[in-house]
Protein backbone atom coordinates (compact mmCIF):
# COMPACT_ATOMS: atom_id res chain seq x y z
CA MET A 1 -97.39 285.81 91.34
CA SER A 2 -95.94 288.21 89.04
CA ALA A 3 -92.90 288.41 86.88
CA ARG A 4 -92.03 291.23 88.98
CA SER A 5 -92.44 289.58 92.35
CA ILE A 6 -90.66 286.14 91.35
CA ILE A 7 -88.04 288.79 90.29
CA ALA A 8 -87.77 290.80 93.46
CA GLY A 9 -87.42 287.23 95.36
CA VAL A 10 -84.89 285.94 93.24
CA LEU A 11 -82.89 288.97 94.07
CA LEU A 12 -83.29 288.83 97.33
CA ALA A 13 -82.42 285.46 97.78
CA ALA A 14 -79.24 285.97 95.54
CA THR A 15 -78.36 289.15 98.00
CA ALA A 16 -78.78 287.47 101.00
CA LEU A 17 -76.80 284.07 99.51
CA ALA A 18 -73.92 286.52 98.45
CA SER A 19 -73.56 288.64 102.02
CA GLY A 20 -73.60 285.27 103.59
CA TYR A 21 -70.78 283.98 101.62
CA LEU A 22 -68.73 287.43 101.92
CA PHE A 23 -68.94 287.45 105.71
CA LEU A 24 -67.72 283.65 106.00
CA ARG A 25 -65.12 284.41 103.78
CA ILE A 26 -63.87 287.73 105.30
CA ARG A 27 -64.29 286.13 108.90
CA ASP A 28 -62.05 283.16 107.88
CA THR A 29 -59.15 285.20 106.88
CA ALA A 30 -59.34 287.72 109.19
CA GLY A 31 -58.40 285.24 111.74
CA PRO A 32 -58.79 286.00 115.73
CA SER A 33 -58.60 289.26 116.67
CA THR A 34 -55.31 289.99 118.87
CA GLU A 35 -56.16 293.31 120.25
CA THR A 36 -56.95 294.03 123.69
CA VAL A 37 -59.64 296.68 124.61
CA ARG A 38 -59.37 298.31 128.05
CA LEU A 39 -62.66 299.17 129.36
CA GLY A 40 -61.23 301.49 131.94
CA ILE A 41 -63.04 300.70 134.52
CA GLY A 42 -62.73 301.74 138.08
CA TYR A 43 -64.86 302.64 141.15
CA TYR A 44 -65.88 305.84 142.78
CA ALA A 45 -67.67 306.18 146.10
CA ASP A 46 -69.39 309.10 147.86
CA ARG A 47 -68.54 309.45 151.88
CA ALA A 48 -66.79 306.22 152.22
CA THR A 49 -65.03 304.63 155.04
CA LEU A 50 -61.86 302.20 155.04
CA THR A 51 -60.99 300.00 158.17
CA GLY A 52 -57.26 298.85 158.39
CA THR A 53 -56.54 296.01 161.00
CA ASP A 54 -53.57 294.24 162.11
CA GLU A 55 -52.94 290.57 161.54
CA THR A 56 -55.49 289.69 164.67
CA GLY A 57 -58.02 291.62 163.20
CA ARG A 58 -57.81 294.11 165.84
CA ILE A 59 -58.95 298.08 164.36
CA LEU A 60 -55.41 300.14 163.97
CA PHE A 61 -57.14 302.85 161.80
CA ARG A 62 -60.19 304.33 159.79
CA ILE A 63 -59.97 306.21 156.44
CA SER A 64 -62.83 308.36 155.79
CA ALA A 65 -63.38 310.66 152.80
CA SER A 66 -66.25 312.63 151.33
CA GLY A 67 -65.31 311.45 147.97
CA VAL A 68 -63.32 308.18 146.68
CA THR A 69 -62.21 307.45 142.76
CA GLN A 70 -59.95 304.72 141.46
CA ASN A 71 -58.02 306.00 138.46
CA PRO A 72 -58.47 303.23 135.81
CA ALA A 73 -54.96 303.82 134.33
CA ASP A 74 -52.53 303.08 137.32
CA SER A 75 -55.07 301.83 140.14
CA SER A 76 -54.63 304.53 142.27
CA VAL A 77 -57.27 305.97 144.06
CA ALA A 78 -58.11 309.82 144.80
CA LEU A 79 -59.55 310.88 148.01
CA GLN A 80 -61.20 313.92 148.99
CA ASN A 81 -61.76 316.01 152.14
CA VAL A 82 -59.84 312.85 154.20
CA THR A 83 -59.80 311.94 157.93
CA LEU A 84 -57.53 309.18 158.94
CA ASP A 85 -57.93 308.19 162.69
CA TYR A 86 -55.13 306.24 164.04
CA ASP A 87 -56.59 304.68 167.18
CA PRO A 88 -55.49 301.63 168.79
CA GLU A 89 -56.34 300.68 171.86
CA THR A 90 -53.15 300.71 173.99
CA GLU A 91 -51.05 303.99 172.07
CA ALA A 92 -51.75 307.51 171.84
CA PRO A 93 -54.89 308.24 169.50
CA TRP A 94 -53.82 310.67 165.71
CA GLN A 95 -55.92 312.27 163.56
CA LEU A 96 -54.82 313.26 160.40
CA ARG A 97 -57.18 315.67 158.38
CA ALA A 98 -56.10 316.61 154.90
CA GLU A 99 -58.02 318.28 152.00
CA THR A 100 -56.95 315.35 149.46
CA GLY A 101 -55.52 312.07 149.89
CA ARG A 102 -54.00 309.45 147.24
CA LEU A 103 -53.36 305.81 147.91
CA PRO A 104 -50.85 304.62 145.06
CA PRO A 105 -51.65 301.16 143.77
CA GLY A 106 -50.00 298.14 145.51
CA GLY A 107 -48.99 299.81 148.22
CA LYS A 108 -49.96 300.41 151.94
CA MET A 109 -48.69 304.31 151.65
CA ILE A 110 -51.74 307.06 152.43
CA GLU A 111 -50.41 310.32 150.32
CA LEU A 112 -51.96 313.23 151.98
CA SER A 113 -52.00 317.05 150.85
CA GLY A 114 -53.61 320.30 151.09
CA ASN A 115 -53.81 321.41 154.59
CA VAL A 116 -52.30 318.50 156.34
CA VAL A 117 -53.31 318.51 160.10
CA ALA A 118 -52.16 315.48 162.45
CA SER A 119 -53.28 316.32 165.96
CA THR A 120 -53.16 313.91 169.00
CA GLY A 121 -53.13 314.34 172.87
CA GLU A 122 -53.70 312.12 176.16
CA ALA A 123 -56.77 312.52 178.23
CA GLY A 124 -56.71 315.53 180.58
CA GLY A 125 -53.69 317.02 178.77
CA PRO A 126 -53.05 319.43 176.00
CA ALA A 127 -53.52 318.50 172.47
CA ALA A 128 -50.57 318.51 169.94
CA PHE A 129 -50.56 320.08 166.46
CA ILE A 130 -48.61 319.24 163.31
CA ARG A 131 -49.31 321.16 160.04
CA THR A 132 -47.70 320.76 157.14
CA ASP A 133 -48.86 320.68 153.18
CA PHE A 134 -47.87 317.11 152.44
CA LEU A 135 -47.81 314.24 154.20
CA GLU A 136 -46.72 310.18 153.74
CA PHE A 137 -48.50 307.87 156.22
CA ASP A 138 -47.27 304.22 155.57
CA THR A 139 -50.01 302.00 157.30
CA GLY A 140 -47.61 299.10 157.77
CA THR A 141 -44.85 300.48 159.84
CA ARG A 142 -47.44 303.54 161.21
CA ILE A 143 -44.84 306.00 160.27
CA ALA A 144 -46.10 309.63 159.17
CA ALA A 145 -43.37 311.64 156.99
CA THR A 146 -42.62 314.49 155.05
CA ASP A 147 -39.65 316.61 153.46
CA ARG A 148 -41.64 319.70 153.43
CA LYS A 149 -41.62 322.56 156.34
CA VAL A 150 -43.83 321.70 159.39
CA VAL A 151 -45.07 323.88 162.05
CA ILE A 152 -45.68 321.99 165.58
CA GLU A 153 -48.35 323.72 168.19
CA TYR A 154 -48.42 322.11 171.72
CA ALA A 155 -49.21 323.99 175.19
CA GLY A 156 -48.87 327.43 173.84
CA SER A 157 -45.03 326.19 172.21
CA ILE A 158 -44.17 326.75 168.41
CA ILE A 159 -41.54 324.94 166.33
CA ASN A 160 -41.13 325.34 162.99
CA ALA A 161 -38.97 322.51 160.87
CA VAL A 162 -38.18 321.20 157.70
CA GLY A 163 -38.69 317.63 157.52
CA LEU A 164 -40.69 315.36 159.55
CA ARG A 165 -41.02 311.58 160.82
CA ALA A 166 -43.36 310.15 163.25
CA ASP A 167 -43.84 306.76 164.20
CA LEU A 168 -47.23 306.79 165.63
CA ALA A 169 -46.92 302.89 166.94
CA ARG A 170 -43.89 304.27 169.32
CA ASP A 171 -45.19 307.70 170.21
CA ARG A 172 -41.99 309.28 168.70
CA LEU A 173 -41.02 312.51 166.47
CA GLU A 174 -38.09 313.64 164.74
CA LEU A 175 -37.83 316.78 163.11
CA ARG A 176 -35.36 316.76 159.93
CA SER A 177 -33.71 320.22 159.88
CA GLN A 178 -33.97 324.03 160.07
CA VAL A 179 -35.54 323.47 163.70
CA SER A 180 -36.55 326.56 165.87
CA GLY A 181 -39.26 327.94 167.57
CA SER A 182 -40.29 329.42 170.97
CA TYR A 183 -40.93 327.24 174.14
CA VAL A 184 -43.44 328.02 176.53
CA ARG A 185 -43.33 326.39 180.20
């Protein structure tokens, strides 16, 4: 073995020992990290359907969307091309459609916006349509509401109003203000 190889081996061993010593010393003086790293993990889905049931497991509504994305910052959920079918077995069925929707975190509220159309109708009878640009639906109380302009179309009649409260479970509709329109018999 040459002197050059011996010197290189000693230098390599000394470097390894020194770096090991520095690593242990830095680790001991730094202490455990108290900083929490948030990865921002959420979820997304294409063509998803969410089914809501009552306490007995009976289906009350279905929400379908072409796109579903969770916002990791606040856990809200954004929906694209939304359809909400409220079709309990014994009550009048409703369908709500919108360009977008939002499920706020921790609640039972669904916010629909962008060309919102709610429709209902009994078999053999004329359909009713409610049009607005924003509507909130509470899945717990089954109440849809807005404080915006609404247009209601039913059997040739057209009613305009500002603000609406619709109790879908009881099939009751309340217009809030500025109600006007034409009624066709």
